[in-house]
C-alpha atoms as a PDB file:
ATOM      1  CA  MET A   1      65.916  67.005 157.428  1.00  0.00           C
ATOM      2  CA  ILE A   2      69.108  67.383 155.390  1.00  0.00           C
ATOM      3  CA  PRO A   3      72.192  66.300 157.408  1.00  0.00           C
ATOM      4  CA  SER A   4      74.203  69.074 159.017  1.00  0.00           C
ATOM      5  CA  GLU A   5      77.315  68.297 156.996  1.00  0.00           C
ATOM      6  CA  ILE A   6      75.370  68.947 153.779  1.00  0.00           C
ATOM      7  CA  ALA A   7      73.931  72.149 155.199  1.00  0.00           C
ATOM      8  CA  ASP A   8      77.369  73.333 156.234  1.00  0.00           C
ATOM      9  CA  GLY A   9      78.657  72.508 152.770  1.00  0.00           C
ATOM     10  CA  ALA A  10      75.887  74.587 151.218  1.00  0.00           C
ATOM     11  CA  ILE A  11      76.866  77.574 153.353  1.00  0.00           C
ATOM     12  CA  ALA A  12      80.477  77.251 152.250  1.00  0.00           C
ATOM     13  CA  ARG A  13      79.358  76.906 148.646  1.00  0.00           C
ATOM     14  CA  ARG A  14      77.181  80.024 148.929  1.00  0.00           C
ATOM     15  CA  ALA A  15      80.129  82.025 150.271  1.00  0.00           C
ATOM     16  CA  PHE A  16      82.303  80.762 147.410  1.00  0.00           C
ATOM     17  CA  LEU A  17      79.701  81.741 144.826  1.00  0.00           C
ATOM     18  CA  ARG A  18      79.513  85.232 146.291  1.00  0.00           C
ATOM     19  CA  ARG A  19      83.279  85.642 146.156  1.00  0.00           C
ATOM     20  CA  ALA A  20      83.338  84.355 142.607  1.00  0.00           C
ATOM     21  CA  GLY A  21      80.587  86.763 141.602  1.00  0.00           C
ATOM     22  CA  ALA A  22      82.403  89.695 143.139  1.00  0.00           C
ATOM     23  CA  ALA A  23      85.608  88.729 141.379  1.00  0.00           C
ATOM     24  CA  GLY A  24      83.899  88.315 138.016  1.00  0.00           C
ATOM     25  CA  LEU A  25      84.756  84.599 137.757  1.00  0.00           C
ATOM     26  CA  VAL A  26      82.951  81.788 135.967  1.00  0.00           C
ATOM     27  CA  VAL A  27      81.840  79.148 138.491  1.00  0.00           C
ATOM     28  CA  ALA A  28      81.668  75.508 137.357  1.00  0.00           C
ATOM     29  CA  GLY A  29      81.269  76.590 133.762  1.00  0.00           C
ATOM     30  CA  ALA A  30      78.259  78.855 134.363  1.00  0.00           C
ATOM     31  CA  SER A  31      78.366  82.638 134.198  1.00  0.00           C
ATOM     32  CA  THR A  32      75.521  84.813 135.448  1.00  0.00           C
ATOM     33  CA  LEU A  33      74.630  87.914 133.523  1.00  0.00           C
ATOM     34  CA  GLY A  34      74.002  90.721 135.986  1.00  0.00           C
ATOM     35  CA  ASP A  35      70.828  92.652 136.612  1.00  0.00           C
ATOM     36  CA  TRP A  36      69.848  95.819 134.772  1.00  0.00           C
ATOM     37  CA  ALA A  37      69.521  98.659 137.242  1.00  0.00           C
ATOM     38  CA  GLY A  38      67.520 101.834 136.724  1.00  0.00           C
ATOM     39  CA  VAL A  39      69.557 105.031 137.060  1.00  0.00           C
ATOM     40  CA  ALA A  40      67.784 107.141 139.661  1.00  0.00           C
ATOM     41  CA  GLY A  41      66.067 110.143 138.182  1.00  0.00           C
ATOM     42  CA  ALA A  42      67.431 109.511 134.711  1.00  0.00           C
ATOM     43  CA  GLY A  43      64.888 107.005 133.399  1.00  0.00           C
ATOM     44  CA  VAL A  44      67.787 105.086 131.794  1.00  0.00           C
ATOM     45  CA  LEU A  45      68.557 101.384 132.200  1.00  0.00           C
ATOM     46  CA  THR A  46      72.206 100.349 132.412  1.00  0.00           C
ATOM     47  CA  ALA A  47      73.878  96.948 132.595  1.00  0.00           C
ATOM     48  CA  PRO A  48      76.313  96.104 135.408  1.00  0.00           C
ATOM     49  CA  ALA A  49      79.233  93.742 135.028  1.00  0.00           C
ATOM     50  CA  PRO A  50      78.582  90.019 134.447  1.00  0.00           C
ATOM     51  CA  ASN A  51      78.452  87.562 137.357  1.00  0.00           C
ATOM     52  CA  ASP A  52      76.605  90.063 139.524  1.00  0.00           C
ATOM     53  CA  THR A  53      75.581  87.459 142.108  1.00  0.00           C
ATOM     54  CA  PRO A  54      73.676  89.107 144.989  1.00  0.00           C
ATOM     55  CA  ALA A  55      75.759  89.068 148.142  1.00  0.00           C
ATOM     56  CA  ASP A  56      72.941  88.628 150.663  1.00  0.00           C
ATOM     57  CA  PRO A  57      69.131  88.344 151.013  1.00  0.00           C
ATOM     58  CA  ASP A  58      68.615  92.113 150.790  1.00  0.00           C
ATOM     59  CA  ALA A  59      70.564  92.309 147.541  1.00  0.00           C
ATOM     60  CA  ALA A  60      68.676  89.333 146.119  1.00  0.00           C
ATOM     61  CA  LEU A  61      65.328  90.960 146.917  1.00  0.00           C
ATOM     62  CA  ALA A  62      66.476  94.275 145.453  1.00  0.00           C
ATOM     63  CA  ARG A  63      67.468  92.537 142.226  1.00  0.00           C
ATOM     64  CA  LEU A  64      64.024  90.944 141.920  1.00  0.00           C
ATOM     65  CA  MET A  65      62.245  94.236 142.572  1.00  0.00           C
ATOM     66  CA  ARG A  66      64.378  96.054 139.997  1.00  0.00           C
ATOM     67  CA  GLY A  67      63.460  93.387 137.496  1.00  0.00           C
ATOM     68  CA  ASN A  68      59.783  93.837 138.278  1.00  0.00           C
ATOM     69  CA  ARG A  69      60.059  97.583 137.743  1.00  0.00           C
ATOM     70  CA  ARG A  70      61.534  96.935 134.305  1.00  0.00           C
ATOM     71  CA  PHE A  71      58.688  94.544 133.541  1.00  0.00           C
ATOM     72  CA  VAL A  72      56.071  97.089 134.633  1.00  0.00           C
ATOM     73  CA  ARG A  73      57.668  99.809 132.488  1.00  0.00           C
ATOM     74  CA  GLY A  74      57.778  97.560 129.436  1.00  0.00           C
ATOM     75  CA  ARG A  75      61.594  97.610 129.494  1.00  0.00           C
ATOM     76  CA  ALA A  76      62.264  93.953 130.256  1.00  0.00           C
ATOM     77  CA  LYS A  77      65.710  92.849 129.102  1.00  0.00           C
ATOM     78  CA  HIS A  78      65.156  89.063 129.279  1.00  0.00           C
ATOM     79  CA  PRO A  79      68.689  88.512 130.615  1.00  0.00           C
ATOM     80  CA  VAL A  80      70.682  85.343 130.063  1.00  0.00           C
ATOM     81  CA  ASP A  81      68.171  83.366 128.025  1.00  0.00           C
ATOM     82  CA  SER A  82      70.678  82.630 125.264  1.00  0.00           C
ATOM     83  CA  ASP A  83      71.760  79.288 123.880  1.00  0.00           C
ATOM     84  CA  GLU A  84      75.217  79.937 125.318  1.00  0.00           C
ATOM     85  CA  ARG A  85      73.795  80.262 128.824  1.00  0.00           C
ATOM     86  CA  ARG A  86      71.786  77.075 128.378  1.00  0.00           C
ATOM     87  CA  ARG A  87      74.882  75.129 127.416  1.00  0.00           C
ATOM     88  CA  ALA A  88      76.960  76.702 130.191  1.00  0.00           C
ATOM     89  CA  SER A  89      74.413  75.740 132.850  1.00  0.00           C
ATOM     90  CA  VAL A  90      74.263  72.045 131.948  1.00  0.00           C
ATOM     91  CA  GLY A  91      76.702  71.025 134.679  1.00  0.00           C
ATOM     92  CA  THR A  92      75.482  73.210 137.539  1.00  0.00           C
ATOM     93  CA  GLN A  93      72.884  75.700 138.704  1.00  0.00           C
ATOM     94  CA  THR A  94      73.438  78.849 140.737  1.00  0.00           C
ATOM     95  CA  PRO A  95      70.046  80.556 141.237  1.00  0.00           C
ATOM     96  CA  PHE A  96      70.141  83.478 143.642  1.00  0.00           C
ATOM     97  CA  ALA A  97      66.518  83.195 144.829  1.00  0.00           C
ATOM     98  CA  ALA A  98      63.780  80.598 145.239  1.00  0.00           C
ATOM     99  CA  VAL A  99      60.203  81.610 144.466  1.00  0.00           C
ATOM    100  CA  LEU A 100      57.092  79.856 145.771  1.00  0.00           C
ATOM    101  CA  ALA A 101      54.358  81.132 143.469  1.00  0.00           C
ATOM    102  CA  CYS A 102      50.821  80.280 142.435  1.00  0.00           C
ATOM    103  CA  ALA A 103      50.474  78.021 139.403  1.00  0.00           C
ATOM    104  CA  ASP A 104      48.264  80.646 137.726  1.00  0.00           C
ATOM    105  CA  SER A 105      49.341  81.044 134.082  1.00  0.00           C
ATOM    106  CA  ARG A 106      49.431  84.830 134.463  1.00  0.00           C
ATOM    107  CA  VAL A 107      52.118  84.799 137.158  1.00  0.00           C
ATOM    108  CA  PRO A 108      55.350  83.353 135.693  1.00  0.00           C
ATOM    109  CA  PRO A 109      58.152  84.438 138.071  1.00  0.00           C
ATOM    110  CA  GLU A 110      60.946  84.630 135.491  1.00  0.00           C
ATOM    111  CA  ILE A 111      58.856  87.027 133.405  1.00  0.00           C
ATOM    112  CA  ILE A 112      57.354  89.279 136.087  1.00  0.00           C
ATOM    113  CA  PHE A 113      60.801  89.679 137.700  1.00  0.00           C
ATOM    114  CA  ASP A 114      62.646  89.855 134.354  1.00  0.00           C
ATOM    115  CA  GLN A 115      65.177  87.166 135.234  1.00  0.00           C
ATOM    116  CA  GLY A 116      66.927  84.694 132.993  1.00  0.00           C
ATOM    117  CA  LEU A 117      67.750  81.045 132.627  1.00  0.00           C
ATOM    118  CA  GLY A 118      69.205  79.685 135.859  1.00  0.00           C
ATOM    119  CA  ASP A 119      68.472  82.782 137.973  1.00  0.00           C
ATOM    120  CA  LEU A 120      65.446  81.487 139.917  1.00  0.00           C
ATOM    121  CA  PHE A 121      64.576  78.197 141.607  1.00  0.00           C
ATOM    122  CA  VAL A 122      60.819  78.170 141.069  1.00  0.00           C
ATOM    123  CA  VAL A 123      58.206  76.109 142.931  1.00  0.00           C
ATOM    124  CA  ARG A 124      54.615  76.606 141.767  1.00  0.00           C
ATOM    125  CA  VAL A 125      51.325  75.276 143.102  1.00  0.00           C
ATOM    126  CA  ALA A 126      47.773  76.661 143.106  1.00  0.00           C
ATOM    127  CA  GLY A 127      47.399  79.058 146.029  1.00  0.00           C
ATOM    128  CA  ASN A 128      51.185  79.125 146.654  1.00  0.00           C
ATOM    129  CA  ILE A 129      50.740  76.782 149.620  1.00  0.00           C
ATOM    130  CA  PRO A 130      53.646  75.005 151.349  1.00  0.00           C
ATOM    131  CA  GLY A 131      52.780  71.302 151.213  1.00  0.00           C
ATOM    132  CA  PRO A 132      55.406  68.655 152.006  1.00  0.00           C
ATOM    133  CA  ASP A 133      56.707  68.568 148.428  1.00  0.00           C
ATOM    134  CA  GLU A 134      57.023  72.357 148.258  1.00  0.00           C
ATOM    135  CA  ILE A 135      58.775  72.548 151.631  1.00  0.00           C
ATOM    136  CA  ALA A 136      61.216  69.836 150.596  1.00  0.00           C
ATOM    137  CA  SER A 137      61.942  71.652 147.332  1.00  0.00           C
ATOM    138  CA  LEU A 138      62.544  74.963 149.099  1.00  0.00           C
ATOM    139  CA  ALA A 139      64.743  73.289 151.714  1.00  0.00           C
ATOM    140  CA  TYR A 140      66.815  71.786 148.926  1.00  0.00           C
ATOM    141  CA  ALA A 141      67.170  75.217 147.328  1.00  0.00           C
ATOM    142  CA  ALA A 142      68.196  76.782 150.636  1.00  0.00           C
ATOM    143  CA  GLU A 143      70.588  74.105 151.858  1.00  0.00           C
ATOM    144  CA  HIS A 144      71.989  72.511 148.733  1.00  0.00           C
ATOM    145  CA  VAL A 145      71.645  74.995 145.868  1.00  0.00           C
ATOM    146  CA  GLY A 146      72.567  78.011 147.993  1.00  0.00           C
ATOM    147  CA  VAL A 147      69.845  80.585 147.274  1.00  0.00           C
ATOM    148  CA  ASP A 148      69.897  83.775 149.352  1.00  0.00           C
ATOM    149  CA  LEU A 149      66.157  84.400 149.376  1.00  0.00           C
ATOM    150  CA  ILE A 150      62.817  82.581 149.395  1.00  0.00           C
ATOM    151  CA  LEU A 151      60.048  84.802 148.027  1.00  0.00           C
ATOM    152  CA  VAL A 152      56.410  83.755 148.463  1.00  0.00           C
ATOM    153  CA  VAL A 153      54.324  85.330 145.690  1.00  0.00           C
ATOM    154  CA  GLY A 154      50.540  85.460 145.900  1.00  0.00           C
ATOM    155  CA  HIS A 155      48.448  87.382 143.407  1.00  0.00           C
ATOM    156  CA  GLU A 156      45.225  89.341 143.228  1.00  0.00           C
ATOM    157  CA  GLY A 157      42.161  87.445 142.051  1.00  0.00           C
ATOM    158  CA  CYS A 158      43.644  84.067 143.062  1.00  0.00           C
ATOM    159  CA  GLY A 159      41.193  81.335 142.074  1.00  0.00           C
ATOM    160  CA  ALA A 160      42.367  78.952 144.792  1.00  0.00           C
ATOM    161  CA  VAL A 161      41.697  81.574 147.457  1.00  0.00           C
ATOM    162  CA  LYS A 162      38.364  82.474 145.860  1.00  0.00           C
ATOM    163  CA  THR A 163      37.305  78.826 145.952  1.00  0.00           C
ATOM    164  CA  THR A 164      38.388  78.567 149.578  1.00  0.00           C
ATOM    165  CA  ILE A 165      36.183  81.518 150.491  1.00  0.00           C
ATOM    166  CA  GLU A 166      33.210  79.670 148.979  1.00  0.00           C
ATOM    167  CA  VAL A 167      34.114  76.579 150.981  1.00  0.00           C
ATOM    168  CA  VAL A 168      34.545  78.483 154.250  1.00  0.00           C
ATOM    169  CA  ASP A 169      31.200  80.207 153.692  1.00  0.00           C
ATOM    170  CA  GLY A 170      29.549  76.833 153.171  1.00  0.00           C
ATOM    171  CA  ASN A 171      28.524  77.548 149.594  1.00  0.00           C
ATOM    172  CA  ILE A 172      30.357  74.616 147.975  1.00  0.00           C
ATOM    173  CA  ASP A 173      31.899  71.301 148.919  1.00  0.00           C
ATOM    174  CA  PRO A 174      35.660  71.264 148.329  1.00  0.00           C
ATOM    175  CA  GLY A 175      35.709  67.789 146.838  1.00  0.00           C
ATOM    176  CA  GLU A 176      39.052  67.037 145.217  1.00  0.00           C
ATOM    177  CA  TYR A 177      40.223  70.614 145.926  1.00  0.00           C
ATOM    178  CA  ALA A 178      40.273  69.923 149.675  1.00  0.00           C
ATOM    179  CA  PRO A 179      44.101  69.740 149.924  1.00  0.00           C
ATOM    180  CA  LEU A 180      44.223  73.320 148.622  1.00  0.00           C
ATOM    181  CA  THR A 181      41.239  74.759 150.456  1.00  0.00           C
ATOM    182  CA  ASP A 182      42.153  73.113 153.769  1.00  0.00           C
ATOM    183  CA  ALA A 183      45.561  74.821 153.603  1.00  0.00           C
ATOM    184  CA  ILE A 184      44.165  78.231 152.627  1.00  0.00           C
ATOM    185  CA  ALA A 185      41.115  78.248 154.945  1.00  0.00           C
ATOM    186  CA  PRO A 186      43.022  79.598 157.999  1.00  0.00           C
ATOM    187  CA  ALA A 187      44.010  82.654 155.938  1.00  0.00           C
ATOM    188  CA  VAL A 188      40.402  83.294 154.888  1.00  0.00           C
ATOM    189  CA  GLU A 189      39.236  82.928 158.473  1.00  0.00           C
ATOM    190  CA  ALA A 190      41.956  85.335 159.647  1.00  0.00           C
ATOM    191  CA  ALA A 191      40.834  87.882 157.054  1.00  0.00           C
ATOM    192  CA  GLN A 192      37.228  87.520 158.211  1.00  0.00           C
ATOM    193  CA  ARG A 193      38.251  88.006 161.836  1.00  0.00           C
ATOM    194  CA  SER A 194      40.014  91.201 160.850  1.00  0.00           C
ATOM    195  CA  GLY A 195      36.708  92.545 159.499  1.00  0.00           C
ATOM    196  CA  ALA A 196      37.151  91.936 155.771  1.00  0.00           C
ATOM    197  CA  SER A 197      33.956  91.115 153.905  1.00  0.00           C
ATOM    198  CA  GLY A 198      32.307  91.501 150.508  1.00  0.00           C
ATOM    199  CA  ALA A 199      34.651  92.614 147.744  1.00  0.00           C
ATOM    200  CA  ASP A 200      37.431  93.219 150.291  1.00  0.00           C
ATOM    201  CA  LEU A 201      37.530  89.630 151.486  1.00  0.00           C
ATOM    202  CA  LEU A 202      39.390  88.158 148.505  1.00  0.00           C
ATOM    203  CA  PRO A 203      42.355  90.584 148.497  1.00  0.00           C
ATOM    204  CA  ALA A 204      42.551  90.441 152.289  1.00  0.00           C
ATOM    205  CA  SER A 205      42.564  86.643 152.180  1.00  0.00           C
ATOM    206  CA  VAL A 206      45.252  86.593 149.487  1.00  0.00           C
ATOM    207  CA  GLU A 207      47.463  88.772 151.677  1.00  0.00           C
ATOM    208  CA  GLU A 208      46.756  86.730 154.802  1.00  0.00           C
ATOM    209  CA  ASN A 209      47.617  83.587 152.879  1.00  0.00           C
ATOM    210  CA  VAL A 210      50.999  84.997 151.881  1.00  0.00           C
ATOM    211  CA  ARG A 211      51.682  86.013 155.488  1.00  0.00           C
ATOM    212  CA  LEU A 212      50.675  82.573 156.737  1.00  0.00           C
ATOM    213  CA  VAL A 213      52.824  80.729 154.205  1.00  0.00           C
ATOM    214  CA  THR A 214      55.814  82.970 154.871  1.00  0.00           C
ATOM    215  CA  ALA A 215      55.591  82.063 158.562  1.00  0.00           C
ATOM    216  CA  GLN A 216      54.995  78.365 157.909  1.00  0.00           C
ATOM    217  CA  ILE A 217      58.056  77.753 155.738  1.00  0.00           C
ATOM    218  CA  PRO A 218      60.694  78.009 158.511  1.00  0.00           C
ATOM    219  CA  GLU A 219      58.306  76.335 160.963  1.00  0.00           C
ATOM    220  CA  ARG A 220      58.142  73.263 158.724  1.00  0.00           C
ATOM    221  CA  SER A 221      61.804  73.081 157.734  1.00  0.00           C
ATOM    222  CA  ASP A 222      64.592  72.825 160.279  1.00  0.00           C
ATOM    223  CA  GLY A 223      67.115  73.438 157.513  1.00  0.00           C
ATOM    224  CA  ILE A 224      65.526  76.695 156.395  1.00  0.00           C
ATOM    225  CA  ALA A 225      65.135  77.780 160.020  1.00  0.00           C
ATOM    226  CA  ARG A 226      68.873  77.244 160.559  1.00  0.00           C
ATOM    227  CA  GLU A 227      69.705  79.248 157.459  1.00  0.00           C
ATOM    228  CA  ILE A 228      67.539  82.115 158.730  1.00  0.00           C
ATOM    229  CA  GLN A 229      69.190  82.007 162.157  1.00  0.00           C
ATOM    230  CA  ARG A 230      72.586  82.211 160.478  1.00  0.00           C
ATOM    231  CA  ARG A 231      71.290  85.157 158.425  1.00  0.00           C
ATOM    232  CA  GLU A 232      72.189  83.276 155.271  1.00  0.00           C
ATOM    233  CA  ILE A 233      68.654  83.426 153.875  1.00  0.00           C
ATOM    234  CA  ALA A 234      65.401  85.350 154.310  1.00  0.00           C
ATOM    235  CA  VAL A 235      61.779  84.390 153.642  1.00  0.00           C
ATOM    236  CA  VAL A 236      59.707  87.293 152.310  1.00  0.00           C
ATOM    237  CA  GLY A 237      56.115  87.614 151.103  1.00  0.00           C
ATOM    238  CA  ALA A 238      54.797  89.554 148.112  1.00  0.00           C
ATOM    239  CA  ILE A 239      51.645  90.155 146.058  1.00  0.00           C
ATOM    240  CA  TYR A 240      51.550  90.344 142.254  1.00  0.00           C
ATOM    241  CA  HIS A 241      48.942  92.755 140.874  1.00  0.00           C
ATOM    242  CA  LEU A 242      47.407  91.531 137.638  1.00  0.00           C
ATOM    243  CA  GLN A 243      46.107  94.961 136.650  1.00  0.00           C
ATOM    244  CA  ASN A 244      49.454  96.732 136.436  1.00  0.00           C
ATOM    245  CA  GLY A 245      52.090  94.005 136.796  1.00  0.00           C
ATOM    246  CA  ARG A 246      53.538  95.414 139.998  1.00  0.00           C
ATOM    247  CA  VAL A 247      54.832  93.318 142.861  1.00  0.00           C
ATOM    248  CA  THR A 248      54.406  94.750 146.363  1.00  0.00           C
ATOM    249  CA  LEU A 249      55.982  93.315 149.490  1.00  0.00           C
ATOM    250  CA  VAL A 250      53.851  92.030 152.349  1.00  0.00           C
END
């Protein structure tokens, strides 16, 4: 557990970053190019002012979902991936969200949410499961880096979940995949108890796995739990759809 004085310092730092973003300042040599918001009903994408740091978890989630809509529409702007941003971010990082995603090559968070260099603190592992290393990484992001949101992203057709279904059904031995399948098995079993079977079992298990992981993160990290209680951070689940590129919230 990260000491309370560090956690308190992270909260103060987060508040400072928000004030700096609102004032249009450059923090520790790093500026953050703002999101590109769709104009309702107009079908036009406009750019807000620089340093548009989300002020709270809701704003952070909204920014990610706007980015995903741009990605789906083929209007991704690839913000702040310039050489200037790379050089400016050498001394510090100010991501607004942490993402726990599957390691699947088709689900790169920065691309599917159309975010740039330094915007996301990304943790990836097959099946998007919260092992000790992942929990420690997310706790660091929440308490020390100052993210406003932790988003757990599963995806349709997840191979780790598919393998776990085979293990739970007794069709294969997990072998060296046991650390993954042991973690995902409770989600598969929950989906089966809910009545899912056949072709419906995989998507139901993917969703149950996201729900399970979303609940486990604060249970396994006192620091993240404190941040949630203080309403400084939120943990949210989502599913990425390979067929159309959309992200839906769980």
